[in-house]
Amino acid sequence: MPTEKPNQKPSQTLIQKPIQRPIQKPNQNSKAYMEYHYDTVGATPGTLFIGEGAAPSELVLIEYSSDEASRRSIDISQLESSCFESGAVSWLDVQGLGSESVLQQVGDTFNLHRLILEDIVNVPQRPKVEHYDDQLLIIARMVTPYPNGRGFYNEQVGFILGHHYLLTVQEEPELDCFEPVRDRIRHSRGQIRQSGADYLAYALLDAIIDGFFPVLENFGEVIEALEEEVVRNPTRATVTKIYRLRRDLAILRRAIWPQRAMINQLARDSSTLISTDVQMHWQDCYDHVVQVLDIVESYRELSSGLMDVYLSSVSNRMNEIMKVLTIISTIFIPLSFVAGVYGMNFDTQASRWNMPELGWIYGYPACLLGMGAIAGALVMFFWHKGWFRDVS
């Protein structure tokens, strides 16, 4: 457990807006998206597995009370002497999982069970809630749209809630949806500065759930564009887009589905670390989860229907092509017959029945006029039947 210092006040430095750094797209493979972490056979429980290419760990400490608030980046050597002052709520945000020594030191400072440290470091884990003696572990999935609006980043966030502190552990330091909460602390908006660490945990989890909505808005725009594309101009690239959409929606569903049970557990189970007033707020957060899940399921049904619409559009397009070709072929079949008959060239001197038209002065123009009349008659017949109405 972190030690409390009874006679110290929080720092007088006001919270400053975090420095904006260039966003780098993290390296993710299909396993990181679609599968949960599993230990190697024979591994000791509590063994930490640092992912290749993980960002170095950075520590950001936010301390606040009803009167003042501060935010500062700290070094791991300052952690024990700088944190958890009495009368203030301390929020330590560990950004990045690339520094094992830092993570081990954080675990020692907070007296974390080795299985807790394993769950927050070995990502990804299934969203869940676990109760310990004087700590509450919450594992959640957070999605953040990329700045260009194409795709989203899916990461794990670990929460360790204590009596006067909250520890959060993120995979990446660049992308998160916590800035509105930081802004509320900075400007003392709402009741967050008058509440404890349990309300802070609720506010951050609610921000995570609300962070799904911008991603869903982007999916809605993609689905609308694909619906128009599959009807107007379906191509091979359209199939790739549909499968990519269905895969991303499956990833999104995998991120939100277990969080429904996790939020429901927080709303129903009592804990000495969560006040009755804050526990009532979890039901509102649960309603948001259900709303997100309903939208995801609706989008999945639409994406599945897009493939059917694509196949129907391709089939209809092929039918239109075959219809045009059939009409053209039907018009030219009698013309080919006439041309074939007059291409036999029987000698008219051998018999007067042997194609006397070959000796006519106007035989060639008469043949062309006859062929034109046949073609025109067929076109008028097809037009009268309505076969040209739907030909694009």
Protein backbone atom coordinates (compact mmCIF):
# COMPACT_ATOMS: atom_id res chain seq x y z
CA MET A 1 0.00 0.00 0.00
CA PRO A 2 1.25 3.50 -0.70
CA THR A 3 1.99 5.52 2.39
CA GLU A 4 -0.13 8.59 3.22
CA LYS A 5 1.37 11.85 4.43
CA PRO A 6 -1.13 13.50 6.78
CA ASN A 7 0.18 17.07 6.98
CA GLN A 8 0.95 17.98 3.42
CA LYS A 9 -1.13 19.86 0.89
CA PRO A 10 -1.29 19.20 -2.81
CA SER A 11 1.05 21.10 -5.03
CA GLN A 12 -0.02 24.67 -5.90
CA THR A 13 0.87 24.21 -9.58
CA LEU A 14 -2.27 24.30 -11.73
CA ILE A 15 -2.87 21.52 -14.21
CA GLN A 16 -1.37 22.39 -17.55
CA LYS A 17 -2.56 21.05 -20.88
CA PRO A 18 -0.45 18.02 -21.88
CA ILE A 19 2.22 18.63 -24.48
CA GLN A 20 0.99 17.53 -27.89
CA ARG A 21 3.40 15.09 -29.51
CA PRO A 22 3.27 13.72 -33.02
CA ILE A 23 1.04 10.66 -33.07
CA GLN A 24 2.68 7.50 -34.30
CA LYS A 25 0.50 4.64 -35.41
CA PRO A 26 1.29 1.69 -33.14
CA ASN A 27 2.25 -1.63 -34.57
CA GLN A 28 -0.57 -4.10 -34.20
CA ASN A 29 -1.04 -7.48 -35.70
CA SER A 30 -4.15 -9.59 -36.05
CA LYS A 31 -3.36 -11.49 -32.85
CA ALA A 32 -3.30 -8.31 -30.78
CA TYR A 33 -6.68 -7.41 -32.18
CA MET A 34 -8.49 -10.74 -32.18
CA GLU A 35 -7.02 -12.87 -29.39
CA TYR A 36 -6.42 -12.53 -25.68
CA HIS A 37 -3.04 -13.04 -24.10
CA TYR A 38 -2.13 -16.52 -22.98
CA ASP A 39 0.95 -17.61 -21.07
CA THR A 40 3.47 -19.99 -22.49
CA VAL A 41 3.37 -23.54 -21.22
CA GLY A 42 5.10 -23.84 -17.87
CA ALA A 43 5.41 -20.09 -17.27
CA THR A 44 5.42 -18.99 -13.63
CA PRO A 45 2.24 -17.11 -12.61
CA GLY A 46 2.96 -13.39 -12.45
CA THR A 47 5.60 -13.44 -15.20
CA LEU A 48 5.57 -10.22 -17.20
CA PHE A 49 5.68 -10.35 -20.99
CA ILE A 50 6.61 -7.01 -22.51
CA GLY A 51 5.37 -6.74 -26.08
CA GLU A 52 7.89 -6.07 -28.82
CA GLY A 53 7.90 -2.40 -29.77
CA ALA A 54 6.02 -1.30 -26.63
CA ALA A 55 6.33 2.39 -25.81
CA PRO A 56 8.57 3.36 -22.86
CA SER A 57 6.65 3.89 -19.63
CA GLU A 58 5.92 7.47 -18.61
CA LEU A 59 4.42 8.49 -15.26
CA VAL A 60 1.95 11.37 -15.03
CA LEU A 61 0.62 12.30 -11.59
CA ILE A 62 -2.54 14.34 -11.13
CA GLU A 63 -3.46 15.38 -7.58
CA TYR A 64 -6.55 17.37 -6.75
CA SER A 65 -8.91 18.42 -4.01
CA SER A 66 -11.89 20.75 -3.93
CA ASP A 67 -9.52 23.74 -3.65
CA GLU A 68 -6.67 23.03 -6.04
CA ALA A 69 -5.23 20.63 -8.58
CA SER A 70 -1.84 19.87 -10.07
CA ARG A 71 -0.43 17.79 -12.87
CA ARG A 72 3.19 16.82 -13.41
CA SER A 73 5.34 14.16 -14.98
CA ILE A 74 7.42 12.33 -12.43
CA ASP A 75 10.36 9.98 -12.43
CA ILE A 76 10.09 6.53 -10.95
CA SER A 77 12.54 7.57 -8.21
CA GLN A 78 10.09 10.29 -7.10
CA LEU A 79 7.08 8.03 -6.96
CA GLU A 80 7.13 6.99 -3.33
CA SER A 81 7.96 10.43 -1.95
CA SER A 82 5.65 12.48 -4.16
CA CYS A 83 2.35 10.67 -4.22
CA PHE A 84 -0.76 10.07 -2.13
CA GLU A 85 -0.94 13.11 0.08
CA SER A 86 -3.71 13.11 2.66
CA GLY A 87 -6.81 15.08 1.75
CA ALA A 88 -6.21 14.85 -1.99
CA VAL A 89 -7.07 12.33 -4.67
CA SER A 90 -4.02 11.01 -6.51
CA TRP A 91 -4.28 9.73 -10.06
CA LEU A 92 -1.13 8.10 -11.38
CA ASP A 93 -1.32 7.45 -15.10
CA VAL A 94 1.29 5.00 -16.39
CA GLN A 95 1.52 5.54 -20.16
CA GLY A 96 3.35 2.80 -22.02
CA LEU A 97 4.31 -0.78 -21.17
CA GLY A 98 7.86 -0.84 -22.48
CA SER A 99 9.82 -0.37 -19.22
CA GLU A 100 9.70 -3.49 -17.08
CA SER A 101 11.75 -1.96 -14.26
CA VAL A 102 9.35 0.99 -14.02
CA LEU A 103 6.34 -1.32 -13.96
CA GLN A 104 7.93 -3.50 -11.29
CA GLN A 105 8.65 -0.42 -9.18
CA VAL A 106 5.07 0.77 -9.58
CA GLY A 107 3.89 -2.67 -8.44
CA ASP A 108 6.14 -2.52 -5.39
CA THR A 109 5.03 1.02 -4.49
CA PHE A 110 1.34 0.16 -4.68
CA ASN A 111 1.90 -3.27 -3.13
CA LEU A 112 0.20 -4.90 -6.10
CA HIS A 113 -0.34 -8.62 -6.11
CA ARG A 114 1.79 -10.21 -8.83
CA LEU A 115 -1.34 -11.45 -10.59
CA ILE A 116 -2.66 -7.87 -10.74
CA LEU A 117 0.61 -6.70 -12.26
CA GLU A 118 0.46 -9.58 -14.73
CA ASP A 119 -3.08 -8.64 -15.82
CA ILE A 120 -2.25 -4.98 -16.45
CA VAL A 121 1.04 -5.66 -18.25
CA ASN A 122 0.39 -8.84 -20.27
CA VAL A 123 -2.05 -7.50 -22.85
CA PRO A 124 -4.64 -8.03 -24.09
CA GLN A 125 -6.78 -9.39 -21.27
CA ARG A 126 -10.51 -9.91 -21.23
CA PRO A 127 -12.34 -6.98 -19.55
CA LYS A 128 -13.13 -7.95 -15.97
CA VAL A 129 -13.39 -6.85 -12.34
CA GLU A 130 -11.48 -8.49 -9.50
CA HIS A 131 -11.75 -7.63 -5.81
CA TYR A 132 -8.69 -7.72 -3.55
CA ASP A 133 -8.34 -6.82 0.12
CA ASP A 134 -7.93 -3.06 -0.24
CA GLN A 135 -7.77 -2.69 -4.02
CA LEU A 136 -10.10 -3.13 -6.96
CA LEU A 137 -8.76 -4.25 -10.34
CA ILE A 138 -10.66 -3.23 -13.47
CA ILE A 139 -9.55 -4.22 -16.97
CA ALA A 140 -11.22 -2.33 -19.83
CA ARG A 141 -10.82 -1.93 -23.58
CA MET A 142 -10.53 1.57 -25.02
CA VAL A 143 -10.96 2.44 -28.70
CA THR A 144 -9.82 5.73 -30.20
CA PRO A 145 -10.32 6.86 -33.80
CA TYR A 146 -7.21 7.80 -35.70
CA PRO A 147 -6.92 11.52 -36.53
CA ASN A 148 -7.41 10.82 -40.25
CA GLY A 149 -10.75 9.15 -39.49
CA ARG A 150 -9.68 5.84 -41.02
CA GLY A 151 -9.79 3.01 -38.52
CA PHE A 152 -9.32 3.05 -34.78
CA TYR A 153 -6.76 2.08 -32.18
CA ASN A 154 -7.80 -0.60 -29.71
CA GLU A 155 -5.89 -0.80 -26.43
CA GLN A 156 -6.22 -2.12 -22.90
CA VAL A 157 -6.49 0.14 -19.87
CA GLY A 158 -5.94 -1.23 -16.39
CA PHE A 159 -7.42 0.45 -13.28
CA ILE A 160 -6.30 -0.19 -9.73
CA LEU A 161 -8.58 1.64 -7.31
CA GLY A 162 -7.53 2.33 -3.73
CA HIS A 163 -9.05 4.42 -0.95
CA HIS A 164 -7.47 7.72 -1.99
CA TYR A 165 -5.78 6.93 -5.24
CA LEU A 166 -6.31 5.54 -8.71
CA LEU A 167 -3.65 3.89 -10.84
CA THR A 168 -4.26 3.61 -14.58
CA VAL A 169 -2.00 1.74 -16.98
CA GLN A 170 -2.25 2.38 -20.73
CA GLU A 171 -0.50 0.66 -23.61
CA GLU A 172 0.30 3.88 -25.50
CA PRO A 173 1.01 7.43 -24.34
CA GLU A 174 -0.43 9.14 -27.42
CA LEU A 175 -4.04 8.10 -27.93
CA ASP A 176 -6.69 8.09 -25.20
CA CYS A 177 -10.10 9.58 -24.48
CA PHE A 178 -9.31 10.91 -21.00
CA GLU A 179 -8.74 14.55 -21.95
CA PRO A 180 -12.34 15.62 -21.12
CA VAL A 181 -11.86 14.22 -17.60
CA ARG A 182 -8.51 15.98 -17.23
CA ASP A 183 -10.20 19.18 -18.39
CA ARG A 184 -12.96 18.79 -15.80
CA ILE A 185 -10.33 18.38 -13.10
CA ARG A 186 -8.35 21.34 -14.42
CA HIS A 187 -11.32 23.72 -14.45
CA SER A 188 -13.24 22.15 -11.51
CA ARG A 189 -16.32 21.42 -13.57
CA GLY A 190 -18.99 19.10 -12.23
CA GLN A 191 -18.55 17.20 -8.99
CA ILE A 192 -15.29 15.44 -9.76
CA ARG A 193 -13.15 17.70 -7.55
CA GLN A 194 -15.60 17.24 -4.67
CA SER A 195 -15.60 13.44 -5.01
CA GLY A 196 -13.13 10.69 -4.28
CA ALA A 197 -11.04 8.28 -6.33
CA ASP A 198 -14.05 6.01 -6.92
CA TYR A 199 -15.85 8.79 -8.81
CA LEU A 200 -12.68 9.41 -10.83
CA ALA A 201 -12.66 5.72 -11.83
CA TYR A 202 -16.30 6.01 -12.89
CA ALA A 203 -15.60 9.19 -14.90
CA LEU A 204 -12.70 7.57 -16.76
CA LEU A 205 -14.65 4.38 -17.53
CA ASP A 206 -17.61 6.45 -18.69
CA ALA A 207 -15.24 8.37 -20.98
CA ILE A 208 -13.99 5.04 -22.36
CA ILE A 209 -17.56 3.94 -23.16
CA ASP A 210 -18.41 7.32 -24.69
CA GLY A 211 -15.25 7.03 -26.78
CA PHE A 212 -16.91 4.25 -28.77
CA PHE A 213 -19.45 6.67 -30.27
CA PRO A 214 -17.02 8.67 -32.49
CA VAL A 215 -15.71 5.35 -33.82
CA LEU A 216 -19.27 4.22 -34.53
CA GLU A 217 -19.98 7.50 -36.35
CA ASN A 218 -17.06 6.78 -38.66
CA PHE A 219 -18.42 3.28 -39.25
CA GLY A 220 -21.82 4.76 -40.11
CA GLU A 221 -20.24 6.97 -42.78
CA VAL A 222 -18.30 4.02 -44.19
CA ILE A 223 -21.46 1.89 -44.37
CA GLU A 224 -23.39 4.66 -46.16
CA ALA A 225 -20.59 5.05 -48.72
CA LEU A 226 -20.44 1.28 -49.25
CA GLU A 227 -24.20 1.03 -49.67
CA GLU A 228 -24.06 3.57 -52.48
CA GLU A 229 -21.03 1.88 -54.01
CA VAL A 230 -22.50 -1.63 -54.05
CA VAL A 231 -25.62 -0.33 -55.79
CA ARG A 232 -24.05 2.07 -58.29
CA ASN A 233 -20.60 0.68 -59.10
CA PRO A 234 -19.64 -2.60 -57.39
CA THR A 235 -16.08 -3.75 -58.09
CA ARG A 236 -13.62 -6.29 -56.73
CA ALA A 237 -12.32 -3.61 -54.35
CA THR A 238 -15.83 -3.35 -52.89
CA VAL A 239 -15.62 -6.92 -51.61
CA THR A 240 -12.34 -6.13 -49.86
CA LYS A 241 -13.90 -3.07 -48.22
CA ILE A 242 -16.89 -5.10 -47.02
CA TYR A 243 -14.71 -7.82 -45.49
CA ARG A 244 -12.50 -5.20 -43.83
CA LEU A 245 -15.60 -3.53 -42.41
CA ARG A 246 -16.94 -6.81 -41.06
CA ARG A 247 -13.58 -7.64 -39.48
CA ASP A 248 -13.32 -4.23 -37.79
CA LEU A 249 -16.88 -4.51 -36.48
CA ALA A 250 -16.04 -7.94 -35.07
CA ILE A 251 -13.05 -6.38 -33.30
CA LEU A 252 -15.25 -3.59 -31.95
CA ARG A 253 -17.83 -6.07 -30.71
CA ARG A 254 -15.10 -8.11 -29.05
CA ALA A 255 -13.99 -4.95 -27.24
CA ILE A 256 -17.44 -3.85 -26.00
CA TRP A 257 -19.27 -7.13 -25.37
CA PRO A 258 -17.39 -8.28 -22.21
CA GLN A 259 -17.41 -4.72 -20.86
CA ARG A 260 -21.17 -4.95 -20.52
CA ALA A 261 -20.79 -7.73 -17.95
CA MET A 262 -17.93 -5.86 -16.29
CA ILE A 263 -19.92 -2.62 -15.88
CA ASN A 264 -22.96 -4.60 -14.74
CA GLN A 265 -20.85 -6.26 -12.06
CA LEU A 266 -19.64 -2.88 -10.84
CA ALA A 267 -23.23 -1.63 -10.70
CA ARG A 268 -24.46 -4.62 -8.69
CA ASP A 269 -21.59 -5.69 -6.44
CA SER A 270 -20.90 -3.68 -3.32
CA SER A 271 -17.38 -2.68 -2.37
CA THR A 272 -15.85 -0.68 0.45
CA LEU A 273 -13.88 1.24 -2.18
CA ILE A 274 -17.00 2.48 -4.01
CA SER A 275 -19.53 4.71 -2.29
CA THR A 276 -23.26 4.18 -2.66
CA ASP A 277 -23.66 7.42 -4.60
CA VAL A 278 -20.98 6.45 -7.13
CA GLN A 279 -22.36 2.94 -7.46
CA MET A 280 -25.64 4.44 -8.68
CA HIS A 281 -23.74 6.13 -11.53
CA TRP A 282 -22.62 2.76 -12.89
CA GLN A 283 -26.17 2.03 -14.08
CA ASP A 284 -26.01 5.06 -16.37
CA CYS A 285 -22.66 3.83 -17.67
CA TYR A 286 -24.23 0.39 -18.22
CA ASP A 287 -26.99 1.98 -20.30
CA HIS A 288 -24.33 3.56 -22.52
CA VAL A 289 -22.65 0.18 -22.97
CA VAL A 290 -25.94 -1.39 -24.04
CA GLN A 291 -26.54 1.46 -26.49
CA VAL A 292 -23.08 1.01 -28.01
CA LEU A 293 -23.61 -2.74 -28.28
CA ASP A 294 -26.97 -2.26 -30.01
CA ILE A 295 -25.38 0.03 -32.59
CA VAL A 296 -22.53 -2.41 -33.17
CA GLU A 297 -24.98 -5.27 -33.70
CA SER A 298 -27.03 -3.15 -36.12
CA TYR A 299 -23.91 -2.27 -38.10
CA ARG A 300 -22.88 -5.92 -38.21
CA GLU A 301 -26.26 -6.85 -39.68
CA LEU A 302 -25.94 -4.04 -42.24
CA SER A 303 -22.43 -5.16 -43.18
CA SER A 304 -23.64 -8.73 -43.64
CA GLY A 305 -26.45 -7.45 -45.83
CA LEU A 306 -23.97 -5.45 -47.89
CA MET A 307 -22.49 -8.68 -49.25
CA ASP A 308 -25.95 -9.85 -50.32
CA VAL A 309 -26.61 -6.48 -51.95
CA TYR A 310 -23.23 -6.69 -53.67
CA LEU A 311 -23.99 -10.14 -55.09
CA SER A 312 -27.44 -8.98 -56.21
CA SER A 313 -25.98 -5.87 -57.83
CA VAL A 314 -23.34 -7.90 -59.67
CA SER A 315 -25.99 -10.40 -60.77
CA ASN A 316 -28.32 -7.64 -61.95
CA ARG A 317 -25.49 -5.95 -63.76
CA MET A 318 -24.61 -9.22 -65.47
CA ASN A 319 -28.26 -9.72 -66.40
CA GLU A 320 -28.37 -6.26 -67.97
CA ILE A 321 -25.24 -7.00 -69.96
CA MET A 322 -26.63 -10.33 -71.11
CA LYS A 323 -29.91 -8.62 -72.01
CA VAL A 324 -28.14 -6.08 -74.23
CA LEU A 325 -26.04 -8.77 -75.86
CA THR A 326 -29.11 -10.94 -76.41
CA ILE A 327 -31.00 -8.10 -78.09
CA ILE A 328 -28.03 -7.31 -80.32
CA SER A 329 -27.60 -10.98 -81.20
CA THR A 330 -31.31 -11.40 -81.91
CA ILE A 331 -31.27 -8.43 -84.28
CA PHE A 332 -28.25 -9.71 -86.18
CA ILE A 333 -29.33 -13.35 -86.44
CA PRO A 334 -31.77 -12.77 -89.37
CA LEU A 335 -29.29 -10.37 -90.97
CA SER A 336 -26.62 -13.04 -90.77
CA PHE A 337 -29.06 -15.49 -92.31
CA VAL A 338 -29.71 -13.17 -95.28
CA ALA A 339 -26.00 -12.49 -95.72
CA GLY A 340 -25.30 -16.24 -95.59
CA VAL A 341 -27.93 -17.02 -98.22
CA TYR A 342 -26.63 -14.45 -100.65
CA GLY A 343 -23.07 -15.47 -99.97
CA MET A 344 -23.57 -18.88 -101.61
CA ASN A 345 -23.13 -17.38 -105.15
CA PHE A 346 -24.92 -20.09 -107.22
CA ASP A 347 -24.37 -19.59 -110.98
CA THR A 348 -27.44 -17.90 -112.51
CA GLN A 349 -26.46 -19.11 -116.03
CA ALA A 350 -26.82 -22.76 -114.96
CA SER A 351 -30.40 -22.27 -113.83
CA ARG A 352 -32.81 -19.40 -113.63
CA TRP A 353 -33.57 -20.45 -110.03
CA ASN A 354 -29.96 -20.01 -108.96
CA MET A 355 -30.17 -16.62 -107.19
CA PRO A 356 -31.43 -14.40 -110.03
CA GLU A 357 -30.95 -11.40 -107.70
CA LEU A 358 -27.22 -11.53 -108.42
CA GLY A 359 -27.92 -10.20 -111.89
CA TRP A 360 -30.21 -7.36 -110.86
CA ILE A 361 -29.00 -3.79 -111.23
CA TYR A 362 -30.41 -2.87 -107.83
CA GLY A 363 -29.90 -6.23 -106.20
CA TYR A 364 -27.27 -5.06 -103.68
CA PRO A 365 -29.21 -1.95 -102.50
CA ALA A 366 -32.41 -4.01 -102.33
CA CYS A 367 -30.69 -6.58 -100.15
CA LEU A 368 -29.35 -3.87 -97.79
CA LEU A 369 -32.78 -2.22 -97.60
CA GLY A 370 -34.38 -5.57 -96.82
CA MET A 371 -31.85 -6.26 -94.06
CA GLY A 372 -32.41 -2.78 -92.63
CA ALA A 373 -36.16 -3.30 -92.69
CA ILE A 374 -35.80 -6.58 -90.81
CA ALA A 375 -33.55 -4.96 -88.16
CA GLY A 376 -35.93 -2.01 -87.78
CA ALA A 377 -38.93 -4.28 -87.43
CA LEU A 378 -37.18 -6.25 -84.68
CA VAL A 379 -36.17 -3.07 -82.83
CA MET A 380 -39.77 -1.79 -82.94
CA PHE A 381 -41.03 -5.17 -81.73
CA PHE A 382 -38.60 -5.18 -78.77
CA TRP A 383 -39.48 -1.58 -77.96
CA HIS A 384 -43.18 -2.40 -77.98
CA LYS A 385 -42.51 -5.27 -75.57
CA GLY A 386 -40.65 -2.88 -73.24
CA TRP A 387 -37.32 -4.67 -73.37
CA PHE A 388 -35.35 -1.42 -73.75
CA ARG A 389 -36.79 0.30 -70.66
CA ASP A 390 -34.44 -1.19 -68.09
CA VAL A 391 -31.37 -1.43 -70.31
CA SER A 392 -28.71 0.88 -68.83
